[in-house]
Amino acid sequence: MSTEARVGTFPAVDWEGGAFPYRVGHRKLGMWLFIISDSLTFSALLIGYSYLRASNVWPTPFPFYPSIVFSSVMTFCLLSSSLTMVFGVSASSKGEKAKARKWILATIIFGVAFIVLHLIEWQHLMHEGLGPFYLPEHWVQAFSENGVPPSPLFGATFFAITGLHMFHVATGAIYLLVVALRINKLNHEDVEISGLYWHFVDLVWMFVFPLIYIMSVDIGGRLAAVAH
């Protein structure tokens, strides 16, 4: 009697996992590794921001209107871009290249709108007197506690984190534009990989927005009181 072990052949359809369930293309694997490394970068920045905030007198300079409303519109643009990217990837998976291109271009438009709104916000804050290492004088008056002025590092952390994120959105928009222009020469995996990057950028903002904006709402109206 033969003791040789034999393994039966099971068609992939029997278990619906595919013949190679753990196979990942080298390009998609590279994107996942990039996302993981970039996640660590943003995590370090946000943890550093949280530490500085907890260990210093920290200004909360954003009134609900117009600052939070304005940043909420920015957030809406970015979330909308994620939705259009989903539609673009879905169309690509069905081989509808023209429709996929239209959705990707819509994604780019929302991304560019986010950047333009962000730059308007930066310009307003810098015109008000905010810099990387100094605060507007009326912020210092409003948020000093027991004679201790608020930390001037607010500007450095704000511009560093939001600036790095805005850079990712800008590079993502350029990346998507290349994908849209060359979509007839690309396969679905290429479109899917670009979608991974874009969703990552949007996900990062979902941490930046509440930590830097929502938690910095001027609830007591201290800036308004100083202005009057």
Foldseek 3Di string as FASTA:
>chain_A
DDPDDDDDDDDCVVVVCDPCNPDDDPLLVVLVVVLVVVVVVLVVLLVVVVVLPVVWQAALPAACPPRVVLVVVLLVLLVVLLVLLVVLLVCQVVVNLVSSLVSLVSSLVSLVVSLVSVVVVVVVLVVQPQDCFAHRPLRQVLRADPNRGTGSNLSVSVCVNVVVLNVLSVVLSVLSVVCSVCVVVDHSVSSVSSSVSSVSSSVSVVVVCCSSRVVSHPVVCSSVVSVD
